[in-house]
Each structure stands twice: as structure tokens, then as C-alpha cells.
Amino acid sequence: PPEVIAEMLDVGRRERVDVIYGVRTDRS
């Protein structure tokens, strides 16, 4: 989902990390 991009950017800025992985928690 493209909507997760905003959350990724927020995590990257807040936690000052270099990589934010999108992890599939539900693959049903």
C-alpha cells in the first residue's frame, strides 16, 4: 500500500535511521 510511505518517512525522520523496511505482517 502506498499509504505506508508517509509512515516510513515519519519513522526515518523521527528515529534517524537509514533504512525503513516494509514488513508484511499479514500475507493471507
PDB file of all heavy atoms in Angstrom:
ATOM      1  N   PRO A   1       0.811  -1.224   0.000  1.00  0.00           N
ATOM      2  CA  PRO A   1       0.000   0.000   0.000  1.00  0.00           C
ATOM      3  C   PRO A   1       0.841   1.269   0.000  1.00  0.00           C
ATOM      4  O   PRO A   1       1.717   1.446   0.861  1.00  0.00           O
ATOM      5  CB  PRO A   1      -0.808  -0.113   1.305  1.00  0.00           C
ATOM      6  CG  PRO A   1      -0.005  -1.022   2.169  1.00  0.00           C
ATOM      7  CD  PRO A   1       0.693  -1.986   1.268  1.00  0.00           C
ATOM      8  N   PRO A   2       0.614   2.178  -0.936  1.00  0.00           N
ATOM      9  CA  PRO A   2       1.363   3.443  -0.974  1.00  0.00           C
ATOM     10  C   PRO A   2       1.173   4.295   0.278  1.00  0.00           C
ATOM     11  O   PRO A   2       2.032   5.125   0.605  1.00  0.00           O
ATOM     12  CB  PRO A   2       0.786   4.155  -2.209  1.00  0.00           C
ATOM     13  CG  PRO A   2       0.187   3.072  -3.047  1.00  0.00           C
ATOM     14  CD  PRO A   2      -0.308   2.051  -2.075  1.00  0.00           C
ATOM     15  N   GLU A   3       0.053   4.106   0.977  1.00  0.00           N
ATOM     16  CA  GLU A   3      -0.213   4.909   2.169  1.00  0.00           C
ATOM     17  C   GLU A   3       0.847   4.720   3.256  1.00  0.00           C
ATOM     18  O   GLU A   3       1.020   5.578   4.125  1.00  0.00           O
ATOM     19  CB  GLU A   3      -1.595   4.553   2.726  1.00  0.00           C
ATOM     20  CG  GLU A   3      -2.767   4.956   1.833  1.00  0.00           C
ATOM     21  CD  GLU A   3      -2.989   4.021   0.668  1.00  0.00           C
ATOM     22  OE1 GLU A   3      -2.360   2.932   0.637  1.00  0.00           O
ATOM     23  OE2 GLU A   3      -3.788   4.359  -0.227  1.00  0.00           O
ATOM     24  N   VAL A   4       1.575   3.610   3.215  1.00  0.00           N
ATOM     25  CA  VAL A   4       2.591   3.329   4.229  1.00  0.00           C
ATOM     26  C   VAL A   4       3.822   4.220   4.044  1.00  0.00           C
ATOM     27  O   VAL A   4       4.616   4.387   4.971  1.00  0.00           O
ATOM     28  CB  VAL A   4       2.978   1.830   4.179  1.00  0.00           C
ATOM     29  CG1 VAL A   4       4.070   1.484   5.184  1.00  0.00           C
ATOM     30  CG2 VAL A   4       1.751   0.958   4.439  1.00  0.00           C
ATOM     31  N   ILE A   5       3.978   4.822   2.864  1.00  0.00           N
ATOM     32  CA  ILE A   5       5.148   5.658   2.598  1.00  0.00           C
ATOM     33  C   ILE A   5       5.232   6.810   3.593  1.00  0.00           C
ATOM     34  O   ILE A   5       6.319   7.154   4.081  1.00  0.00           O
ATOM     35  CB  ILE A   5       5.104   6.184   1.150  1.00  0.00           C
ATOM     36  CG1 ILE A   5       5.254   5.025   0.161  1.00  0.00           C
ATOM     37  CG2 ILE A   5       6.198   7.224   0.913  1.00  0.00           C
ATOM     38  CD1 ILE A   5       5.122   5.430  -1.291  1.00  0.00           C
ATOM     39  N   ALA A   6       4.098   7.434   3.899  1.00  0.00           N
ATOM     40  CA  ALA A   6       4.097   8.544   4.853  1.00  0.00           C
ATOM     41  C   ALA A   6       4.589   8.090   6.223  1.00  0.00           C
ATOM     42  O   ALA A   6       5.359   8.791   6.890  1.00  0.00           O
ATOM     43  CB  ALA A   6       2.693   9.133   4.956  1.00  0.00           C
ATOM     44  N   GLU A   7       4.174   6.902   6.648  1.00  0.00           N
ATOM     45  CA  GLU A   7       4.634   6.371   7.932  1.00  0.00           C
ATOM     46  C   GLU A   7       6.123   6.067   7.903  1.00  0.00           C
ATOM     47  O   GLU A   7       6.847   6.315   8.883  1.00  0.00           O
ATOM     48  CB  GLU A   7       3.839   5.104   8.275  1.00  0.00           C
ATOM     49  CG  GLU A   7       4.154   4.543   9.651  1.00  0.00           C
ATOM     50  CD  GLU A   7       3.325   3.309   9.973  1.00  0.00           C
ATOM     51  OE1 GLU A   7       2.453   2.946   9.160  1.00  0.00           O
ATOM     52  OE2 GLU A   7       3.563   2.707  11.038  1.00  0.00           O
ATOM     53  N   MET A   8       6.600   5.547   6.784  1.00  0.00           N
ATOM     54  CA  MET A   8       8.034   5.268   6.650  1.00  0.00           C
ATOM     55  C   MET A   8       8.862   6.548   6.790  1.00  0.00           C
ATOM     56  O   MET A   8       9.876   6.577   7.496  1.00  0.00           O
ATOM     57  CB  MET A   8       8.319   4.620   5.295  1.00  0.00           C
ATOM     58  CG  MET A   8       7.886   3.190   5.160  1.00  0.00           C
ATOM     59  SD  MET A   8       8.288   2.554   3.512  1.00  0.00           S
ATOM     60  CE  MET A   8       8.052   0.793   3.759  1.00  0.00           C
ATOM     61  N   LEU A   9       8.425   7.605   6.121  1.00  0.00           N
ATOM     62  CA  LEU A   9       9.161   8.870   6.177  1.00  0.00           C
ATOM     63  C   LEU A   9       9.157   9.431   7.590  1.00  0.00           C
ATOM     64  O   LEU A   9      10.174   9.949   8.071  1.00  0.00           O
ATOM     65  CB  LEU A   9       8.547   9.873   5.193  1.00  0.00           C
ATOM     66  CG  LEU A   9       9.258  11.222   5.068  1.00  0.00           C
ATOM     67  CD1 LEU A   9      10.712  11.033   4.633  1.00  0.00           C
ATOM     68  CD2 LEU A   9       8.521  12.129   4.081  1.00  0.00           C
ATOM     69  N   ASP A  10       8.032   9.304   8.258  1.00  0.00           N
ATOM     70  CA  ASP A  10       7.947   9.786   9.639  1.00  0.00           C
ATOM     71  C   ASP A  10       8.895   9.009  10.551  1.00  0.00           C
ATOM     72  O   ASP A  10       9.581   9.593  11.400  1.00  0.00           O
ATOM     73  CB  ASP A  10       6.503   9.659  10.133  1.00  0.00           C
ATOM     74  CG  ASP A  10       6.343  10.146  11.564  1.00  0.00           C
ATOM     75  OD1 ASP A  10       6.563  11.348  11.813  1.00  0.00           O
ATOM     76  OD2 ASP A  10       6.010   9.320  12.442  1.00  0.00           O
ATOM     77  N   VAL A  11       8.963   7.682  10.380  1.00  0.00           N
ATOM     78  CA  VAL A  11       9.868   6.855  11.185  1.00  0.00           C
ATOM     79  C   VAL A  11      11.319   7.209  10.887  1.00  0.00           C
ATOM     80  O   VAL A  11      12.152   7.328  11.797  1.00  0.00           O
ATOM     81  CB  VAL A  11       9.614   5.358  10.903  1.00  0.00           C
ATOM     82  CG1 VAL A  11      10.701   4.490  11.538  1.00  0.00           C
ATOM     83  CG2 VAL A  11       8.247   4.939  11.428  1.00  0.00           C
ATOM     84  N   GLY A  12      11.647   7.407   9.617  1.00  0.00           N
ATOM     85  CA  GLY A  12      13.013   7.748   9.261  1.00  0.00           C
ATOM     86  C   GLY A  12      13.462   9.068   9.857  1.00  0.00           C
ATOM     87  O   GLY A  12      14.585   9.185  10.356  1.00  0.00           O
ATOM     88  N   ARG A  13      12.593  10.058   9.814  1.00  0.00           N
ATOM     89  CA  ARG A  13      12.930  11.366  10.387  1.00  0.00           C
ATOM     90  C   ARG A  13      13.022  11.300  11.910  1.00  0.00           C
ATOM     91  O   ARG A  13      13.931  11.883  12.509  1.00  0.00           O
ATOM     92  CB  ARG A  13      11.859  12.387   9.986  1.00  0.00           C
ATOM     93  CG  ARG A  13      11.906  12.814   8.520  1.00  0.00           C
ATOM     94  CD  ARG A  13      10.675  13.628   8.187  1.00  0.00           C
ATOM     95  NE  ARG A  13      10.797  14.315   6.907  1.00  0.00           N
ATOM     96  CZ  ARG A  13       9.799  14.997   6.330  1.00  0.00           C
ATOM     97  NH1 ARG A  13       8.616  15.065   6.942  1.00  0.00           N
ATOM     98  NH2 ARG A  13       9.996  15.604   5.170  1.00  0.00           N
ATOM     99  N   ARG A  14      12.076  10.590  12.528  1.00  0.00           N
ATOM    100  CA  ARG A  14      12.000  10.579  13.988  1.00  0.00           C
ATOM    101  C   ARG A  14      13.109   9.742  14.614  1.00  0.00           C
ATOM    102  O   ARG A  14      13.735  10.143  15.592  1.00  0.00           O
ATOM    103  CB  ARG A  14      10.636  10.041  14.418  1.00  0.00           C
ATOM    104  CG  ARG A  14      10.406  10.110  15.933  1.00  0.00           C
ATOM    105  CD  ARG A  14       9.032   9.613  16.308  1.00  0.00           C
ATOM    106  NE  ARG A  14       8.834   8.207  16.041  1.00  0.00           N
ATOM    107  CZ  ARG A  14       8.054   7.730  15.073  1.00  0.00           C
ATOM    108  NH1 ARG A  14       7.394   8.557  14.278  1.00  0.00           N
ATOM    109  NH2 ARG A  14       7.925   6.415  14.889  1.00  0.00           N
ATOM    110  N   GLU A  15      13.374   8.567  14.043  1.00  0.00           N
ATOM    111  CA  GLU A  15      14.346   7.655  14.635  1.00  0.00           C
ATOM    112  C   GLU A  15      15.737   7.807  14.044  1.00  0.00           C
ATOM    113  O   GLU A  15      16.678   7.147  14.501  1.00  0.00           O
ATOM    114  CB  GLU A  15      13.855   6.210  14.483  1.00  0.00           C
ATOM    115  CG  GLU A  15      12.518   5.951  15.165  1.00  0.00           C
ATOM    116  CD  GLU A  15      12.137   4.479  15.156  1.00  0.00           C
ATOM    117  OE1 GLU A  15      13.032   3.637  14.889  1.00  0.00           O
ATOM    118  OE2 GLU A  15      10.956   4.178  15.424  1.00  0.00           O
ATOM    119  N   ARG A  16      15.872   8.644  13.018  1.00  0.00           N
ATOM    120  CA  ARG A  16      17.171   8.930  12.413  1.00  0.00           C
ATOM    121  C   ARG A  16      17.897   7.659  11.998  1.00  0.00           C
ATOM    122  O   ARG A  16      19.068   7.429  12.334  1.00  0.00           O
ATOM    123  CB  ARG A  16      18.036   9.755  13.378  1.00  0.00           C
ATOM    124  CG  ARG A  16      17.399  11.071  13.794  1.00  0.00           C
ATOM    125  CD  ARG A  16      18.231  11.800  14.827  1.00  0.00           C
ATOM    126  NE  ARG A  16      19.488  12.281  14.248  1.00  0.00           N
ATOM    127  CZ  ARG A  16      19.626  13.416  13.562  1.00  0.00           C
ATOM    128  NH1 ARG A  16      18.570  14.195  13.360  1.00  0.00           N
ATOM    129  NH2 ARG A  16      20.797  13.784  13.083  1.00  0.00           N
ATOM    130  N   VAL A  17      17.176   6.815  11.252  1.00  0.00           N
ATOM    131  CA  VAL A  17      17.759   5.585  10.718  1.00  0.00           C
ATOM    132  C   VAL A  17      17.933   5.731   9.212  1.00  0.00           C
ATOM    133  O   VAL A  17      17.398   6.650   8.589  1.00  0.00           O
ATOM    134  CB  VAL A  17      16.864   4.361  11.030  1.00  0.00           C
ATOM    135  CG1 VAL A  17      16.838   4.095  12.527  1.00  0.00           C
ATOM    136  CG2 VAL A  17      15.445   4.566  10.501  1.00  0.00           C
ATOM    137  N   ASP A  18      18.680   4.818   8.620  1.00  0.00           N
ATOM    138  CA  ASP A  18      18.968   4.887   7.191  1.00  0.00           C
ATOM    139  C   ASP A  18      18.031   4.035   6.341  1.00  0.00           C
ATOM    140  O   ASP A  18      17.856   4.305   5.152  1.00  0.00           O
ATOM    141  CB  ASP A  18      20.415   4.448   6.924  1.00  0.00           C
ATOM    142  CG  ASP A  18      21.417   5.504   7.329  1.00  0.00           C
ATOM    143  OD1 ASP A  18      21.526   6.507   6.611  1.00  0.00           O
ATOM    144  OD2 ASP A  18      22.092   5.330   8.360  1.00  0.00           O
ATOM    145  N   VAL A  19      17.472   2.983   6.929  1.00  0.00           N
ATOM    146  CA  VAL A  19      16.624   2.061   6.169  1.00  0.00           C
ATOM    147  C   VAL A  19      15.357   1.786   6.961  1.00  0.00           C
ATOM    148  O   VAL A  19      15.422   1.521   8.165  1.00  0.00           O
ATOM    149  CB  VAL A  19      17.354   0.729   5.882  1.00  0.00           C
ATOM    150  CG1 VAL A  19      16.487  -0.170   5.004  1.00  0.00           C
ATOM    151  CG2 VAL A  19      18.708   0.964   5.225  1.00  0.00           C
ATOM    152  N   ILE A  20      14.218   1.861   6.276  1.00  0.00           N
ATOM    153  CA  ILE A  20      12.938   1.500   6.887  1.00  0.00           C
ATOM    154  C   ILE A  20      12.326   0.413   6.020  1.00  0.00           C
ATOM    155  O   ILE A  20      11.934   0.661   4.872  1.00  0.00           O
ATOM    156  CB  ILE A  20      11.976   2.706   7.004  1.00  0.00           C
ATOM    157  CG1 ILE A  20      12.628   3.838   7.798  1.00  0.00           C
ATOM    158  CG2 ILE A  20      10.685   2.281   7.677  1.00  0.00           C
ATOM    159  CD1 ILE A  20      13.346   4.862   6.943  1.00  0.00           C
ATOM    160  N   TYR A  21      12.258  -0.796   6.558  1.00  0.00           N
ATOM    161  CA  TYR A  21      11.732  -1.935   5.809  1.00  0.00           C
ATOM    162  C   TYR A  21      10.213  -1.992   5.934  1.00  0.00           C
ATOM    163  O   TYR A  21       9.663  -1.791   7.019  1.00  0.00           O
ATOM    164  CB  TYR A  21      12.315  -3.244   6.334  1.00  0.00           C
ATOM    165  CG  TYR A  21      13.805  -3.385   6.157  1.00  0.00           C
ATOM    166  CD1 TYR A  21      14.685  -3.168   7.223  1.00  0.00           C
ATOM    167  CD2 TYR A  21      14.349  -3.757   4.932  1.00  0.00           C
ATOM    168  CE1 TYR A  21      16.053  -3.310   7.066  1.00  0.00           C
ATOM    169  CE2 TYR A  21      15.718  -3.890   4.766  1.00  0.00           C
ATOM    170  CZ  TYR A  21      16.560  -3.663   5.831  1.00  0.00           C
ATOM    171  OH  TYR A  21      17.918  -3.798   5.676  1.00  0.00           O
ATOM    172  N   GLY A  22       9.565  -2.302   4.839  1.00  0.00           N
ATOM    173  CA  GLY A  22       8.156  -2.626   4.872  1.00  0.00           C
ATOM    174  C   GLY A  22       7.996  -4.117   5.120  1.00  0.00           C
ATOM    175  O   GLY A  22       8.401  -4.933   4.279  1.00  0.00           O
ATOM    176  N   VAL A  23       7.449  -4.495   6.266  1.00  0.00           N
ATOM    177  CA  VAL A  23       7.342  -5.903   6.660  1.00  0.00           C
ATOM    178  C   VAL A  23       5.892  -6.349   6.542  1.00  0.00           C
ATOM    179  O   VAL A  23       4.981  -5.707   7.095  1.00  0.00           O
ATOM    180  CB  VAL A  23       7.858  -6.116   8.097  1.00  0.00           C
ATOM    181  CG1 VAL A  23       7.676  -7.570   8.513  1.00  0.00           C
ATOM    182  CG2 VAL A  23       9.321  -5.722   8.196  1.00  0.00           C
ATOM    183  N   ARG A  24       5.663  -7.437   5.854  1.00  0.00           N
ATOM    184  CA  ARG A  24       4.307  -7.950   5.633  1.00  0.00           C
ATOM    185  C   ARG A  24       3.857  -8.741   6.859  1.00  0.00           C
ATOM    186  O   ARG A  24       4.216  -9.902   7.039  1.00  0.00           O
ATOM    187  CB  ARG A  24       4.297  -8.841   4.394  1.00  0.00           C
ATOM    188  CG  ARG A  24       4.807  -8.144   3.147  1.00  0.00           C
ATOM    189  CD  ARG A  24       5.352  -9.136   2.140  1.00  0.00           C
ATOM    190  NE  ARG A  24       5.892  -8.466   0.952  1.00  0.00           N
ATOM    191  CZ  ARG A  24       6.593  -9.085   0.016  1.00  0.00           C
ATOM    192  NH1 ARG A  24       6.853 -10.372   0.114  1.00  0.00           N
ATOM    193  NH2 ARG A  24       7.055  -8.402  -1.020  1.00  0.00           N
ATOM    194  N   THR A  25       3.064  -8.117   7.686  1.00  0.00           N
ATOM    195  CA  THR A  25       2.586  -8.777   8.897  1.00  0.00           C
ATOM    196  C   THR A  25       1.387  -9.677   8.626  1.00  0.00           C
ATOM    197  O   THR A  25       1.056 -10.540   9.442  1.00  0.00           O
ATOM    198  CB  THR A  25       2.200  -7.726   9.948  1.00  0.00           C
ATOM    199  OG1 THR A  25       1.234  -6.828   9.391  1.00  0.00           O
ATOM    200  CG2 THR A  25       3.428  -6.927  10.377  1.00  0.00           C
ATOM    201  N   ASP A  26       0.720  -9.460   7.512  1.00  0.00           N
ATOM    202  CA  ASP A  26      -0.448 -10.265   7.143  1.00  0.00           C
ATOM    203  C   ASP A  26      -0.327 -10.618   5.664  1.00  0.00           C
ATOM    204  O   ASP A  26      -0.435  -9.748   4.802  1.00  0.00           O
ATOM    205  CB  ASP A  26      -1.742  -9.492   7.402  1.00  0.00           C
ATOM    206  CG  ASP A  26      -2.987 -10.331   7.113  1.00  0.00           C
ATOM    207  OD1 ASP A  26      -2.853 -11.432   6.547  1.00  0.00           O
ATOM    208  OD2 ASP A  26      -4.091  -9.869   7.442  1.00  0.00           O
ATOM    209  N   ARG A  27      -0.074 -11.903   5.371  1.00  0.00           N
ATOM    210  CA  ARG A  27       0.073 -12.359   3.990  1.00  0.00           C
ATOM    211  C   ARG A  27      -1.032 -13.341   3.620  1.00  0.00           C
ATOM    212  O   ARG A  27      -0.835 -14.256   2.824  1.00  0.00           O
ATOM    213  CB  ARG A  27       1.436 -13.019   3.802  1.00  0.00           C
ATOM    214  CG  ARG A  27       2.612 -12.122   4.122  1.00  0.00           C
ATOM    215  CD  ARG A  27       3.923 -12.718   3.657  1.00  0.00           C
ATOM    216  NE  ARG A  27       3.955 -12.885   2.220  1.00  0.00           N
ATOM    217  CZ  ARG A  27       5.069 -13.148   1.535  1.00  0.00           C
ATOM    218  NH1 ARG A  27       6.223 -13.260   2.167  1.00  0.00           N
ATOM    219  NH2 ARG A  27       5.030 -13.303   0.229  1.00  0.00           N
ATOM    220  N   SER A  28      -2.208 -13.149   4.200  1.00  0.00           N
ATOM    221  CA  SER A  28      -3.301 -14.089   3.964  1.00  0.00           C
ATOM    222  C   SER A  28      -3.771 -14.071   2.517  1.00  0.00           C
ATOM    223  O   SER A  28      -4.396 -15.037   2.057  1.00  0.00           O
ATOM    224  CB  SER A  28      -4.473 -13.776   4.899  1.00  0.00           C
ATOM    225  OG  SER A  28      -4.908 -12.427   4.721  1.00  0.00           O
TER     226      SER A  28
END
